[in-house]
Every structure is written in C-alpha cells, then in structure tokens.
Amino acid sequence: MSVETATWILSALFLIAGIMSLSAAIANWDWFFTSYNVKIFMSRIKRPYARIFYGVIGLAIISMAIAISPIFN
C-alpha cells in the first residue's frame, strides 16, 4: 500500500468519525448519548454540554481530515 492510499484511508476514517460525532450532537441521538463510553463522560457534565463538546470535537476531527487529505497537500 502506498503512502497516498494510506493517507486517503485515514482521511476518510477521520471524516466519517467527525461527521458521526457532529451529527450525534446536532440530532441529539439517544443511542449515542446512552452508550457506555459517553455515559462515563456524561456522569460529570449534563447532556447539553456534552452535545456542545461532541459538536466541537466533531468539527475538530473533520478539520483534521481536511488537513491531512492529499487534495490539499
């Protein structure tokens, strides 16, 4: 596998994860916010703040996908 192919795959994975996180924050998906890993985080903060946090994380992951994509390099 070439480096460019690996970069495309990594960029696609980041993009999917970022869109998923941002979509969960916007749509307030119950299945996302009741999963075990999110419940650990949400035990410390309330759901509206967790939605904001996951929205910001989603945007950050999407920007990382754009930054490493071969289109812009």
PDB file of N, CA and C in Angstrom:
ATOM      1  N   MET A   1       0.849  -1.170   0.000  1.00  0.00           N
ATOM      2  CA  MET A   1       0.000   0.000   0.000  1.00  0.00           C
ATOM      3  C   MET A   1       0.895   1.232   0.000  1.00  0.00           C
ATOM      4  N   SER A   2       0.556   2.166  -0.855  1.00  0.00           N
ATOM      5  CA  SER A   2       1.355   3.381  -0.936  1.00  0.00           C
ATOM      6  C   SER A   2       0.963   4.349   0.182  1.00  0.00           C
ATOM      7  N   VAL A   3       1.817   5.312   0.400  1.00  0.00           N
ATOM      8  CA  VAL A   3       1.568   6.315   1.435  1.00  0.00           C
ATOM      9  C   VAL A   3       0.334   7.136   1.091  1.00  0.00           C
ATOM     10  N   GLU A   4       0.145   7.441  -0.184  1.00  0.00           N
ATOM     11  CA  GLU A   4      -1.019   8.234  -0.583  1.00  0.00           C
ATOM     12  C   GLU A   4      -2.323   7.472  -0.335  1.00  0.00           C
ATOM     13  N   THR A   5      -2.327   6.169  -0.599  1.00  0.00           N
ATOM     14  CA  THR A   5      -3.516   5.359  -0.333  1.00  0.00           C
ATOM     15  C   THR A   5      -3.820   5.322   1.154  1.00  0.00           C
ATOM     16  N   ALA A   6      -2.790   5.147   1.968  1.00  0.00           N
ATOM     17  CA  ALA A   6      -2.980   5.128   3.415  1.00  0.00           C
ATOM     18  C   ALA A   6      -3.496   6.480   3.923  1.00  0.00           C
ATOM     19  N   THR A   7      -3.018   7.548   3.320  1.00  0.00           N
ATOM     20  CA  THR A   7      -3.476   8.885   3.701  1.00  0.00           C
ATOM     21  C   THR A   7      -4.943   9.072   3.346  1.00  0.00           C
ATOM     22  N   TRP A   8      -5.357   8.576   2.191  1.00  0.00           N
ATOM     23  CA  TRP A   8      -6.769   8.656   1.796  1.00  0.00           C
ATOM     24  C   TRP A   8      -7.641   7.883   2.778  1.00  0.00           C
ATOM     25  N   ILE A   9      -7.202   6.690   3.155  1.00  0.00           N
ATOM     26  CA  ILE A   9      -7.984   5.858   4.085  1.00  0.00           C
ATOM     27  C   ILE A   9      -8.092   6.539   5.444  1.00  0.00           C
ATOM     28  N   LEU A  10      -6.991   7.053   5.953  1.00  0.00           N
ATOM     29  CA  LEU A  10      -7.005   7.739   7.243  1.00  0.00           C
ATOM     30  C   LEU A  10      -7.872   8.992   7.195  1.00  0.00           C
ATOM     31  N   SER A  11      -7.790   9.725   6.118  1.00  0.00           N
ATOM     32  CA  SER A  11      -8.608  10.921   5.959  1.00  0.00           C
ATOM     33  C   SER A  11     -10.097  10.558   5.921  1.00  0.00           C
ATOM     34  N   ALA A  12     -10.438   9.486   5.236  1.00  0.00           N
ATOM     35  CA  ALA A  12     -11.833   9.042   5.165  1.00  0.00           C
ATOM     36  C   ALA A  12     -12.340   8.597   6.535  1.00  0.00           C
ATOM     37  N   LEU A  13     -11.507   7.903   7.293  1.00  0.00           N
ATOM     38  CA  LEU A  13     -11.911   7.476   8.631  1.00  0.00           C
ATOM     39  C   LEU A  13     -12.131   8.669   9.551  1.00  0.00           C
ATOM     40  N   PHE A  14     -11.240   9.650   9.495  1.00  0.00           N
ATOM     41  CA  PHE A  14     -11.418  10.863  10.288  1.00  0.00           C
ATOM     42  C   PHE A  14     -12.698  11.590   9.886  1.00  0.00           C
ATOM     43  N   LEU A  15     -12.952  11.669   8.585  1.00  0.00           N
ATOM     44  CA  LEU A  15     -14.139  12.363   8.104  1.00  0.00           C
ATOM     45  C   LEU A  15     -15.411  11.666   8.583  1.00  0.00           C
ATOM     46  N   ILE A  16     -15.449  10.351   8.514  1.00  0.00           N
ATOM     47  CA  ILE A  16     -16.620   9.596   8.973  1.00  0.00           C
ATOM     48  C   ILE A  16     -16.827   9.779  10.475  1.00  0.00           C
ATOM     49  N   ALA A  17     -15.754   9.687  11.250  1.00  0.00           N
ATOM     50  CA  ALA A  17     -15.873   9.858  12.700  1.00  0.00           C
ATOM     51  C   ALA A  17     -16.319  11.271  13.059  1.00  0.00           C
ATOM     52  N   GLY A  18     -15.798  12.264  12.373  1.00  0.00           N
ATOM     53  CA  GLY A  18     -16.181  13.644  12.641  1.00  0.00           C
ATOM     54  C   GLY A  18     -17.631  13.927  12.290  1.00  0.00           C
ATOM     55  N   ILE A  19     -18.064  13.423  11.153  1.00  0.00           N
ATOM     56  CA  ILE A  19     -19.460  13.609  10.750  1.00  0.00           C
ATOM     57  C   ILE A  19     -20.385  12.889  11.715  1.00  0.00           C
ATOM     58  N   MET A  20     -19.980  11.717  12.166  1.00  0.00           N
ATOM     59  CA  MET A  20     -20.798  10.961  13.116  1.00  0.00           C
ATOM     60  C   MET A  20     -20.938  11.719  14.437  1.00  0.00           C
ATOM     61  N   SER A  21     -19.853  12.242  14.944  1.00  0.00           N
ATOM     62  CA  SER A  21     -19.884  12.978  16.200  1.00  0.00           C
ATOM     63  C   SER A  21     -20.691  14.268  16.072  1.00  0.00           C
ATOM     64  N   LEU A  22     -20.488  14.990  14.997  1.00  0.00           N
ATOM     65  CA  LEU A  22     -21.227  16.233  14.771  1.00  0.00           C
ATOM     66  C   LEU A  22     -22.721  15.962  14.570  1.00  0.00           C
ATOM     67  N   SER A  23     -23.041  14.916  13.835  1.00  0.00           N
ATOM     68  CA  SER A  23     -24.443  14.559  13.615  1.00  0.00           C
ATOM     69  C   SER A  23     -25.121  14.147  14.917  1.00  0.00           C
ATOM     70  N   ALA A  24     -24.424  13.401  15.756  1.00  0.00           N
ATOM     71  CA  ALA A  24     -24.986  12.987  17.044  1.00  0.00           C
ATOM     72  C   ALA A  24     -25.251  14.192  17.924  1.00  0.00           C
ATOM     73  N   ALA A  25     -24.363  15.168  17.876  1.00  0.00           N
ATOM     74  CA  ALA A  25     -24.549  16.372  18.683  1.00  0.00           C
ATOM     75  C   ALA A  25     -25.721  17.207  18.183  1.00  0.00           C
ATOM     76  N   ILE A  26     -25.862  17.328  16.891  1.00  0.00           N
ATOM     77  CA  ILE A  26     -26.940  18.135  16.323  1.00  0.00           C
ATOM     78  C   ILE A  26     -28.295  17.445  16.495  1.00  0.00           C
ATOM     79  N   ALA A  27     -28.340  16.151  16.182  1.00  0.00           N
ATOM     80  CA  ALA A  27     -29.607  15.418  16.199  1.00  0.00           C
ATOM     81  C   ALA A  27     -29.988  14.892  17.581  1.00  0.00           C
ATOM     82  N   ASN A  28     -29.068  15.003  18.552  1.00  0.00           N
ATOM     83  CA  ASN A  28     -29.319  14.527  19.917  1.00  0.00           C
ATOM     84  C   ASN A  28     -29.699  13.045  19.922  1.00  0.00           C
ATOM     85  N   TRP A  29     -28.898  12.231  19.239  1.00  0.00           N
ATOM     86  CA  TRP A  29     -29.182  10.805  19.125  1.00  0.00           C
ATOM     87  C   TRP A  29     -29.117  10.138  20.492  1.00  0.00           C
ATOM     88  N   ASP A  30     -30.203   9.521  20.871  1.00  0.00           N
ATOM     89  CA  ASP A  30     -30.278   8.872  22.171  1.00  0.00           C
ATOM     90  C   ASP A  30     -29.315   7.689  22.254  1.00  0.00           C
ATOM     91  N   TRP A  31     -29.224   6.907  21.178  1.00  0.00           N
ATOM     92  CA  TRP A  31     -28.350   5.733  21.204  1.00  0.00           C
ATOM     93  C   TRP A  31     -26.881   6.137  21.368  1.00  0.00           C
ATOM     94  N   PHE A  32     -26.520   7.295  20.878  1.00  0.00           N
ATOM     95  CA  PHE A  32     -25.138   7.757  21.015  1.00  0.00           C
ATOM     96  C   PHE A  32     -24.854   8.205  22.445  1.00  0.00           C
ATOM     97  N   PHE A  33     -25.759   8.994  22.997  1.00  0.00           N
ATOM     98  CA  PHE A  33     -25.528   9.559  24.326  1.00  0.00           C
ATOM     99  C   PHE A  33     -25.835   8.590  25.462  1.00  0.00           C
ATOM    100  N   THR A  34     -26.394   7.413  25.158  1.00  0.00           N
ATOM    101  CA  THR A  34     -26.604   6.409  26.199  1.00  0.00           C
ATOM    102  C   THR A  34     -25.608   5.256  26.089  1.00  0.00           C
ATOM    103  N   SER A  35     -24.668   5.347  25.162  1.00  0.00           N
ATOM    104  CA  SER A  35     -23.643   4.306  25.068  1.00  0.00           C
ATOM    105  C   SER A  35     -22.700   4.384  26.275  1.00  0.00           C
ATOM    106  N   TYR A  36     -22.036   3.294  26.555  1.00  0.00           N
ATOM    107  CA  TYR A  36     -21.224   3.182  27.766  1.00  0.00           C
ATOM    108  C   TYR A  36     -20.117   4.233  27.831  1.00  0.00           C
ATOM    109  N   ASN A  37     -19.384   4.407  26.749  1.00  0.00           N
ATOM    110  CA  ASN A  37     -18.259   5.349  26.762  1.00  0.00           C
ATOM    111  C   ASN A  37     -18.705   6.793  26.938  1.00  0.00           C
ATOM    112  N   VAL A  38     -19.824   7.155  26.361  1.00  0.00           N
ATOM    113  CA  VAL A  38     -20.321   8.521  26.511  1.00  0.00           C
ATOM    114  C   VAL A  38     -20.903   8.720  27.911  1.00  0.00           C
ATOM    115  N   LYS A  39     -21.517   7.666  28.466  1.00  0.00           N
ATOM    116  CA  LYS A  39     -22.067   7.769  29.821  1.00  0.00           C
ATOM    117  C   LYS A  39     -20.974   8.057  30.845  1.00  0.00           C
ATOM    118  N   ILE A  40     -19.795   7.494  30.648  1.00  0.00           N
ATOM    119  CA  ILE A  40     -18.683   7.768  31.561  1.00  0.00           C
ATOM    120  C   ILE A  40     -18.368   9.259  31.557  1.00  0.00           C
ATOM    121  N   PHE A  41     -18.328   9.855  30.379  1.00  0.00           N
ATOM    122  CA  PHE A  41     -18.047  11.281  30.258  1.00  0.00           C
ATOM    123  C   PHE A  41     -19.215  12.117  30.781  1.00  0.00           C
ATOM    124  N   MET A  42     -20.437  11.685  30.477  1.00  0.00           N
ATOM    125  CA  MET A  42     -21.614  12.462  30.865  1.00  0.00           C
ATOM    126  C   MET A  42     -21.938  12.359  32.349  1.00  0.00           C
ATOM    127  N   SER A  43     -21.294  11.481  33.063  1.00  0.00           N
ATOM    128  CA  SER A  43     -21.539  11.423  34.503  1.00  0.00           C
ATOM    129  C   SER A  43     -21.009  12.684  35.191  1.00  0.00           C
ATOM    130  N   ARG A  44     -20.118  13.390  34.527  1.00  0.00           N
ATOM    131  CA  ARG A  44     -19.526  14.607  35.093  1.00  0.00           C
ATOM    132  C   ARG A  44     -20.195  15.893  34.608  1.00  0.00           C
ATOM    133  N   ILE A  45     -20.793  15.846  33.419  1.00  0.00           N
ATOM    134  CA  ILE A  45     -21.447  17.044  32.882  1.00  0.00           C
ATOM    135  C   ILE A  45     -22.846  16.691  32.398  1.00  0.00           C
ATOM    136  N   LYS A  46     -23.658  17.693  32.183  1.00  0.00           N
ATOM    137  CA  LYS A  46     -25.027  17.485  31.709  1.00  0.00           C
ATOM    138  C   LYS A  46     -25.042  17.308  30.193  1.00  0.00           C
ATOM    139  N   ARG A  47     -26.139  16.737  29.710  1.00  0.00           N
ATOM    140  CA  ARG A  47     -26.262  16.397  28.294  1.00  0.00           C
ATOM    141  C   ARG A  47     -26.104  17.592  27.337  1.00  0.00           C
ATOM    142  N   PRO A  48     -26.689  18.752  27.610  1.00  0.00           N
ATOM    143  CA  PRO A  48     -26.488  19.869  26.666  1.00  0.00           C
ATOM    144  C   PRO A  48     -25.011  20.255  26.502  1.00  0.00           C
ATOM    145  N   TYR A  49     -24.261  20.192  27.583  1.00  0.00           N
ATOM    146  CA  TYR A  49     -22.824  20.498  27.494  1.00  0.00           C
ATOM    147  C   TYR A  49     -22.067  19.384  26.772  1.00  0.00           C
ATOM    148  N   ALA A  50     -22.520  18.153  26.951  1.00  0.00           N
ATOM    149  CA  ALA A  50     -21.900  17.042  26.227  1.00  0.00           C
ATOM    150  C   ALA A  50     -22.169  17.174  24.729  1.00  0.00           C
ATOM    151  N   ARG A  51     -23.360  17.630  24.358  1.00  0.00           N
ATOM    152  CA  ARG A  51     -23.668  17.848  22.944  1.00  0.00           C
ATOM    153  C   ARG A  51     -22.758  18.918  22.351  1.00  0.00           C
ATOM    154  N   ILE A  52     -22.540  19.991  23.081  1.00  0.00           N
ATOM    155  CA  ILE A  52     -21.632  21.045  22.602  1.00  0.00           C
ATOM    156  C   ILE A  52     -20.219  20.491  22.461  1.00  0.00           C
ATOM    157  N   PHE A  53     -19.783  19.734  23.464  1.00  0.00           N
ATOM    158  CA  PHE A  53     -18.443  19.154  23.435  1.00  0.00           C
ATOM    159  C   PHE A  53     -18.267  18.235  22.228  1.00  0.00           C
ATOM    160  N   TYR A  54     -19.231  17.335  22.002  1.00  0.00           N
ATOM    161  CA  TYR A  54     -19.108  16.411  20.876  1.00  0.00           C
ATOM    162  C   TYR A  54     -19.259  17.123  19.536  1.00  0.00           C
ATOM    163  N   GLY A  55     -19.989  18.211  19.498  1.00  0.00           N
ATOM    164  CA  GLY A  55     -20.055  19.011  18.270  1.00  0.00           C
ATOM    165  C   GLY A  55     -18.718  19.647  17.943  1.00  0.00           C
ATOM    166  N   VAL A  56     -18.060  20.197  18.953  1.00  0.00           N
ATOM    167  CA  VAL A  56     -16.738  20.812  18.757  1.00  0.00           C
ATOM    168  C   VAL A  56     -15.706  19.746  18.382  1.00  0.00           C
ATOM    169  N   ILE A  57     -15.764  18.607  19.057  1.00  0.00           N
ATOM    170  CA  ILE A  57     -14.848  17.503  18.724  1.00  0.00           C
ATOM    171  C   ILE A  57     -15.077  17.040  17.285  1.00  0.00           C
ATOM    172  N   GLY A  58     -16.335  16.938  16.886  1.00  0.00           N
ATOM    173  CA  GLY A  58     -16.647  16.545  15.509  1.00  0.00           C
ATOM    174  C   GLY A  58     -16.070  17.515  14.487  1.00  0.00           C
ATOM    175  N   LEU A  59     -16.210  18.816  14.756  1.00  0.00           N
ATOM    176  CA  LEU A  59     -15.630  19.814  13.856  1.00  0.00           C
ATOM    177  C   LEU A  59     -14.108  19.729  13.814  1.00  0.00           C
ATOM    178  N   ALA A  60     -13.498  19.465  14.974  1.00  0.00           N
ATOM    179  CA  ALA A  60     -12.037  19.334  15.020  1.00  0.00           C
ATOM    180  C   ALA A  60     -11.567  18.116  14.221  1.00  0.00           C
ATOM    181  N   ILE A  61     -12.285  17.017  14.333  1.00  0.00           N
ATOM    182  CA  ILE A  61     -11.899  15.803  13.604  1.00  0.00           C
ATOM    183  C   ILE A  61     -12.097  16.005  12.098  1.00  0.00           C
ATOM    184  N   ILE A  62     -13.174  16.674  11.716  1.00  0.00           N
ATOM    185  CA  ILE A  62     -13.392  16.965  10.294  1.00  0.00           C
ATOM    186  C   ILE A  62     -12.281  17.864   9.753  1.00  0.00           C
ATOM    187  N   SER A  63     -11.874  18.853  10.542  1.00  0.00           N
ATOM    188  CA  SER A  63     -10.782  19.727  10.077  1.00  0.00           C
ATOM    189  C   SER A  63      -9.464  18.964   9.981  1.00  0.00           C
ATOM    190  N   MET A  64      -9.248  17.997  10.863  1.00  0.00           N
ATOM    191  CA  MET A  64      -8.043  17.154  10.749  1.00  0.00           C
ATOM    192  C   MET A  64      -8.098  16.332   9.472  1.00  0.00           C
ATOM    193  N   ALA A  65      -9.271  15.816   9.128  1.00  0.00           N
ATOM    194  CA  ALA A  65      -9.417  15.031   7.886  1.00  0.00           C
ATOM    195  C   ALA A  65      -9.099  15.893   6.675  1.00  0.00           C
ATOM    196  N   ILE A  66      -9.553  17.139   6.700  1.00  0.00           N
ATOM    197  CA  ILE A  66      -9.280  18.032   5.587  1.00  0.00           C
ATOM    198  C   ILE A  66      -7.796  18.392   5.535  1.00  0.00           C
ATOM    199  N   ALA A  67      -7.195  18.582   6.701  1.00  0.00           N
ATOM    200  CA  ALA A  67      -5.783  18.981   6.761  1.00  0.00           C
ATOM    201  C   ALA A  67      -4.853  17.884   6.247  1.00  0.00           C
ATOM    202  N   ILE A  68      -5.179  16.622   6.496  1.00  0.00           N
ATOM    203  CA  ILE A  68      -4.274  15.548   6.055  1.00  0.00           C
ATOM    204  C   ILE A  68      -4.630  14.973   4.701  1.00  0.00           C
ATOM    205  N   SER A  69      -5.755  15.405   4.124  1.00  0.00           N
ATOM    206  CA  SER A  69      -6.159  14.824   2.848  1.00  0.00           C
ATOM    207  C   SER A  69      -5.168  15.212   1.760  1.00  0.00           C
ATOM    208  N   PRO A  70      -4.925  14.292   0.835  1.00  0.00           N
ATOM    209  CA  PRO A  70      -3.968  14.568  -0.257  1.00  0.00           C
ATOM    210  C   PRO A  70      -4.422  15.675  -1.201  1.00  0.00           C
ATOM    211  N   ILE A  71      -5.685  16.050  -1.164  1.00  0.00           N
ATOM    212  CA  ILE A  71      -6.186  17.099  -2.060  1.00  0.00           C
ATOM    213  C   ILE A  71      -5.508  18.428  -1.756  1.00  0.00           C
ATOM    214  N   PHE A  72      -5.324  18.712  -0.453  1.00  0.00           N
ATOM    215  CA  PHE A  72      -4.791  19.999  -0.038  1.00  0.00           C
ATOM    216  C   PHE A  72      -3.287  19.982   0.199  1.00  0.00           C
ATOM    217  N   ASN A  73      -2.644  18.865   0.027  1.00  0.00           N
ATOM    218  CA  ASN A  73      -1.189  18.782   0.248  1.00  0.00           C
ATOM    219  C   ASN A  73      -0.436  18.767  -1.058  1.00  0.00           C
TER     220      ASN A  73
END
